[in-house]
Amino acid sequence: MSANPKQTVKNKKLVMEMMKNIAESSLATINQSLSKAYHSDVEWRGFYPLEDLKGLEALELKVWRPLLQAFPDLERRNNIVIGGDFNNKSFVGTVGYLTGTFKQPWFDIPATNKTVHLRTCEFHQIKNEKIIQSHMLIDVMDFIRQAGFWPINKSLGIEEMWPGPITGDGIVLEEQDPEVSQKTLEQALDMQKTLGDYKPETTANITDEQLRKELLNHPQKKYWHPKMMWYGPCGIGTGRGLSGFVDHHQLPF
């Protein structure tokens, strides 16, 4: 939730512009694009094998320069852009794809010269109109899958691109009612809390059949639409409805 909806909209537009410019930079301009977007002492928290980085130089050399070498025509496609304040800090979150032609190896995976969609989820903390901290996940396993390799067991769910919200309004660039935003957040947190409060899998000697029945009647059920889509990372895949979530993710894991 944001105490200042006008500033939240400004932050979202700022992050969208900065991250678009970074993705579409060349090797000659990436340093300039990063300097415009990030504070020099930025903390970047990411995915394996990169994990935690500190400072602009590390961000350029470890993250973006290798990406642009591998995908020289990279572009950014956002499906969801949200924002708000937490503990007096301002954040913008995004879900979407970095799309490009896989021209050079990345993480030692050989190039395919084909289009690849890198699934991303990010949260950026904004301070004085620049990013001071970033959390970025790229679904590397899905990248490996698109490159033609599969190092683990077959997914139980469906592997595919994640579409944007069915309502088509994942990118909200208008001021929102803080009270409605607060209620939305509370509903999501209440649903999440049920997962920790009710754990039938800890019941002694429970069979898979009994556990599945308990999970299908889990308290989270009251929060799920019958056609709810659950989009899991590569290796798990997408499930539809509570039964899809239970059968393709919750019960097996």
Protein backbone atom coordinates (compact mmCIF):
# COMPACT_ATOMS: atom_id res chain seq x y z
CA MET A 1 0.00 0.00 0.00
CA SER A 2 1.12 3.56 -0.61
CA ALA A 3 0.58 6.57 1.62
CA ASN A 4 1.27 8.71 -1.45
CA PRO A 5 -0.47 7.28 -4.55
CA LYS A 6 0.82 10.09 -6.77
CA GLN A 7 4.45 9.28 -5.88
CA THR A 8 3.82 5.57 -6.40
CA VAL A 9 2.64 6.19 -9.96
CA LYS A 10 5.71 8.34 -10.56
CA ASN A 11 7.98 5.60 -9.22
CA LYS A 12 6.38 2.95 -11.43
CA LYS A 13 6.82 5.06 -14.55
CA LEU A 14 10.40 5.80 -13.54
CA VAL A 15 11.31 2.14 -13.05
CA MET A 16 9.60 1.11 -16.30
CA GLU A 17 11.59 3.68 -18.25
CA MET A 18 14.92 2.92 -16.56
CA MET A 19 14.65 -0.85 -16.89
CA LYS A 20 13.53 -0.57 -20.53
CA ASN A 21 16.58 1.57 -21.30
CA ILE A 22 18.87 -0.93 -19.57
CA ALA A 23 17.45 -3.92 -21.44
CA GLU A 24 17.72 -2.14 -24.79
CA SER A 25 21.24 -0.82 -24.19
CA SER A 26 24.24 -1.82 -26.27
CA LEU A 27 27.55 -2.93 -24.79
CA ALA A 28 28.77 0.62 -25.43
CA THR A 29 25.91 2.30 -23.56
CA ILE A 30 25.08 -0.12 -20.73
CA ASN A 31 27.33 1.64 -18.22
CA GLN A 32 25.58 4.95 -18.85
CA SER A 33 22.12 3.36 -18.59
CA LEU A 34 22.96 1.66 -15.30
CA SER A 35 24.45 4.87 -13.86
CA LYS A 36 21.22 6.74 -14.60
CA ALA A 37 19.09 4.07 -12.93
CA TYR A 38 21.09 2.93 -9.89
CA HIS A 39 22.91 4.46 -6.96
CA SER A 40 26.62 3.64 -7.04
CA ASP A 41 26.35 1.54 -3.86
CA VAL A 42 23.30 -0.44 -5.02
CA GLU A 43 22.63 -3.84 -3.46
CA TRP A 44 21.48 -6.43 -6.00
CA ARG A 45 20.04 -9.72 -4.79
CA GLY A 46 19.46 -12.30 -7.47
CA PHE A 47 19.31 -15.87 -8.63
CA TYR A 48 21.86 -18.67 -8.64
CA PRO A 49 24.67 -18.59 -9.70
CA LEU A 50 24.85 -14.78 -9.35
CA GLU A 51 23.18 -14.36 -5.95
CA ASP A 52 24.19 -11.16 -4.07
CA LEU A 53 26.14 -8.33 -5.71
CA LYS A 54 27.22 -4.90 -4.51
CA GLY A 55 27.81 -1.79 -6.59
CA LEU A 56 27.38 -0.70 -10.20
CA GLU A 57 30.52 -2.36 -11.53
CA ALA A 58 29.47 -5.80 -10.30
CA LEU A 59 25.96 -5.27 -11.67
CA GLU A 60 27.35 -4.40 -15.08
CA LEU A 61 30.02 -7.11 -15.30
CA LYS A 62 28.08 -9.98 -13.73
CA VAL A 63 24.49 -9.35 -14.85
CA TRP A 64 23.90 -7.00 -17.74
CA ARG A 65 27.01 -7.21 -19.90
CA PRO A 66 26.79 -11.04 -20.16
CA LEU A 67 23.04 -10.76 -20.88
CA LEU A 68 23.56 -8.24 -23.67
CA GLN A 69 26.39 -10.28 -25.16
CA ALA A 70 24.16 -13.36 -25.23
CA PHE A 71 21.00 -11.51 -26.35
CA PRO A 72 22.12 -8.44 -28.35
CA ASP A 73 18.56 -7.52 -29.42
CA LEU A 74 17.08 -7.76 -25.92
CA GLU A 75 13.79 -6.08 -25.10
CA ARG A 76 11.63 -5.88 -22.00
CA ARG A 77 7.94 -6.89 -21.80
CA ASN A 78 6.08 -6.14 -18.55
CA ASN A 79 2.90 -8.02 -17.65
CA ILE A 80 2.52 -6.65 -14.12
CA VAL A 81 3.83 -3.44 -12.53
CA ILE A 82 2.90 -2.70 -8.92
CA GLY A 83 4.22 -0.30 -6.31
CA GLY A 84 3.85 1.00 -2.79
CA ASP A 85 5.53 1.76 0.52
CA PHE A 86 6.72 -0.55 3.28
CA ASN A 87 8.48 0.55 6.47
CA ASN A 88 8.84 4.05 5.02
CA LYS A 89 10.59 2.73 1.91
CA SER A 90 9.25 2.92 -1.65
CA PHE A 91 9.17 -0.14 -3.90
CA VAL A 92 8.18 -1.07 -7.44
CA GLY A 93 7.61 -4.69 -8.45
CA THR A 94 7.39 -6.17 -11.93
CA VAL A 95 6.63 -9.51 -13.57
CA GLY A 96 7.36 -10.06 -17.24
CA TYR A 97 9.94 -11.17 -19.77
CA LEU A 98 13.26 -10.19 -21.25
CA THR A 99 12.98 -11.33 -24.86
CA GLY A 100 15.80 -11.67 -27.37
CA THR A 101 17.66 -13.83 -29.86
CA PHE A 102 20.08 -16.22 -28.14
CA LYS A 103 23.26 -15.40 -30.09
CA GLN A 104 26.10 -16.18 -27.66
CA PRO A 105 26.44 -18.64 -24.72
CA TRP A 106 25.00 -17.62 -21.35
CA PHE A 107 25.96 -19.53 -18.19
CA ASP A 108 27.83 -21.96 -20.49
CA ILE A 109 24.60 -22.93 -22.29
CA PRO A 110 25.31 -22.95 -26.06
CA ALA A 111 23.47 -20.42 -28.21
CA THR A 112 20.54 -21.50 -30.39
CA ASN A 113 20.10 -18.41 -32.60
CA LYS A 114 16.42 -18.63 -31.67
CA THR A 115 14.11 -16.37 -29.67
CA VAL A 116 14.18 -16.90 -25.90
CA HIS A 117 11.80 -15.42 -23.33
CA LEU A 118 13.54 -14.97 -19.96
CA ARG A 119 10.85 -14.97 -17.26
CA THR A 120 11.61 -12.31 -14.66
CA CYS A 121 10.27 -11.11 -11.33
CA GLU A 122 11.78 -8.01 -9.74
CA PHE A 123 11.41 -5.67 -6.78
CA HIS A 124 13.25 -2.36 -6.76
CA GLN A 125 13.60 0.04 -3.83
CA ILE A 126 13.56 3.67 -4.93
CA LYS A 127 15.45 6.41 -3.14
CA ASN A 128 15.81 9.92 -4.56
CA GLU A 129 14.59 8.78 -7.99
CA LYS A 130 17.19 6.02 -8.32
CA ILE A 131 17.29 2.35 -7.37
CA ILE A 132 19.16 1.63 -4.13
CA GLN A 133 18.29 -2.06 -3.86
CA SER A 134 17.05 -4.66 -6.35
CA HIS A 135 15.74 -8.20 -6.02
CA MET A 136 15.71 -9.95 -9.39
CA LEU A 137 14.77 -13.52 -10.29
CA ILE A 138 15.25 -14.95 -13.77
CA ASP A 139 13.83 -18.43 -14.30
CA VAL A 140 17.13 -19.95 -15.41
CA MET A 141 15.64 -23.45 -15.58
CA ASP A 142 13.08 -22.19 -18.10
CA PHE A 143 15.90 -20.64 -20.10
CA ILE A 144 17.70 -24.01 -20.12
CA ARG A 145 14.47 -25.67 -21.27
CA GLN A 146 14.07 -23.22 -24.15
CA ALA A 147 17.68 -23.87 -25.15
CA GLY A 148 16.84 -27.56 -25.62
CA PHE A 149 18.11 -29.10 -22.39
CA TRP A 150 16.30 -30.68 -19.44
CA PRO A 151 18.44 -31.73 -16.46
CA ILE A 152 15.67 -32.73 -14.02
CA ASN A 153 12.49 -34.82 -13.86
CA LYS A 154 9.55 -33.88 -16.06
CA SER A 155 7.30 -31.12 -14.71
CA LEU A 156 3.90 -32.18 -13.41
CA GLY A 157 2.35 -28.90 -14.47
CA ILE A 158 2.43 -27.30 -17.93
CA GLU A 159 5.53 -25.41 -19.05
CA GLU A 160 4.59 -22.28 -20.97
CA MET A 161 4.81 -18.50 -20.94
CA TRP A 162 2.86 -16.78 -18.19
CA PRO A 163 0.14 -14.54 -19.67
CA GLY A 164 -0.77 -11.24 -18.06
CA PRO A 165 -3.86 -10.89 -15.86
CA ILE A 166 -7.12 -11.92 -17.55
CA THR A 167 -8.46 -8.41 -16.88
CA GLY A 168 -5.65 -6.88 -18.94
CA ASP A 169 -4.83 -4.35 -16.23
CA GLY A 170 -1.57 -5.65 -14.81
CA ILE A 171 0.19 -2.35 -15.45
CA VAL A 172 -1.60 0.24 -13.32
CA LEU A 173 -0.41 3.79 -13.93
CA GLU A 174 -3.29 5.60 -12.25
CA GLU A 175 -3.62 6.58 -8.61
CA GLN A 176 -5.35 3.91 -6.51
CA ASP A 177 -7.54 4.20 -3.42
CA PRO A 178 -5.22 3.43 -0.45
CA GLU A 179 -8.05 1.73 1.47
CA VAL A 180 -8.80 -0.64 -1.40
CA SER A 181 -5.08 -1.35 -1.81
CA GLN A 182 -4.81 -2.15 1.90
CA LYS A 183 -7.76 -4.57 1.72
CA THR A 184 -6.21 -6.29 -1.30
CA LEU A 185 -2.92 -6.71 0.53
CA GLU A 186 -4.63 -8.04 3.63
CA GLN A 187 -6.56 -10.60 1.59
CA ALA A 188 -3.37 -11.89 -0.03
CA LEU A 189 -1.58 -12.09 3.32
CA ASP A 190 -4.55 -13.88 4.91
CA MET A 191 -4.44 -16.49 2.15
CA GLN A 192 -0.70 -16.89 2.58
CA LYS A 193 -1.07 -17.27 6.34
CA THR A 194 -3.37 -20.27 5.95
CA LEU A 195 -0.49 -22.20 4.39
CA GLY A 196 1.52 -21.85 7.57
CA ASP A 197 -1.34 -22.27 10.02
CA TYR A 198 -2.75 -25.49 8.57
CA LYS A 199 -0.29 -28.25 7.63
CA PRO A 200 -2.00 -31.64 7.23
CA GLU A 201 1.23 -33.07 5.79
CA THR A 202 2.65 -33.08 9.32
CA THR A 203 -0.02 -35.56 10.48
CA ALA A 204 1.57 -38.86 11.48
CA ASN A 205 0.97 -41.85 9.14
CA ILE A 206 -1.31 -39.90 6.81
CA THR A 207 -1.66 -41.55 3.38
CA ASP A 208 -1.31 -39.71 0.07
CA GLU A 209 -5.02 -40.19 -0.57
CA GLN A 210 -5.94 -38.76 2.82
CA LEU A 211 -3.49 -35.89 2.42
CA ARG A 212 -4.86 -34.97 -1.00
CA LYS A 213 -8.38 -34.86 0.44
CA GLU A 214 -7.21 -32.60 3.27
CA LEU A 215 -5.35 -30.29 0.89
CA LEU A 216 -8.37 -29.97 -1.41
CA ASN A 217 -10.34 -28.78 1.62
CA HIS A 218 -7.54 -26.59 2.94
CA PRO A 219 -8.63 -23.21 4.41
CA GLN A 220 -6.95 -21.49 1.45
CA LYS A 221 -9.86 -22.84 -0.62
CA LYS A 222 -12.07 -19.90 0.33
CA TYR A 223 -9.62 -17.52 -1.36
CA TRP A 224 -9.40 -19.39 -4.68
CA HIS A 225 -11.64 -18.85 -7.69
CA PRO A 226 -12.56 -22.19 -9.37
CA LYS A 227 -10.56 -21.07 -12.43
CA MET A 228 -7.65 -19.67 -10.44
CA MET A 229 -4.36 -20.03 -12.34
CA TRP A 230 -1.25 -20.88 -10.33
CA TYR A 231 1.94 -20.12 -12.24
CA GLY A 232 4.90 -22.04 -10.87
CA PRO A 233 8.55 -21.84 -11.93
CA CYS A 234 10.01 -24.15 -14.52
CA GLY A 235 10.33 -27.63 -13.08
CA ILE A 236 6.90 -27.36 -11.48
CA GLY A 237 4.83 -25.63 -14.15
CA THR A 238 1.33 -24.16 -14.24
CA GLY A 239 -1.75 -25.58 -12.53
CA ARG A 240 -5.40 -24.59 -12.85
CA GLY A 241 -7.69 -24.40 -9.85
CA LEU A 242 -6.94 -25.67 -6.37
CA SER A 243 -6.79 -29.27 -7.61
CA GLY A 244 -4.12 -28.30 -10.15
CA PHE A 245 -2.09 -26.61 -7.43
CA VAL A 246 -2.43 -29.62 -5.12
CA ASP A 247 -1.70 -32.29 -7.73
CA HIS A 248 1.09 -30.53 -9.61
CA HIS A 249 2.86 -28.80 -6.76
CA GLN A 250 1.65 -28.98 -3.18
CA LEU A 251 1.17 -32.74 -2.77
CA PRO A 252 4.26 -33.95 -4.70
CA PHE A 253 6.55 -31.49 -2.96
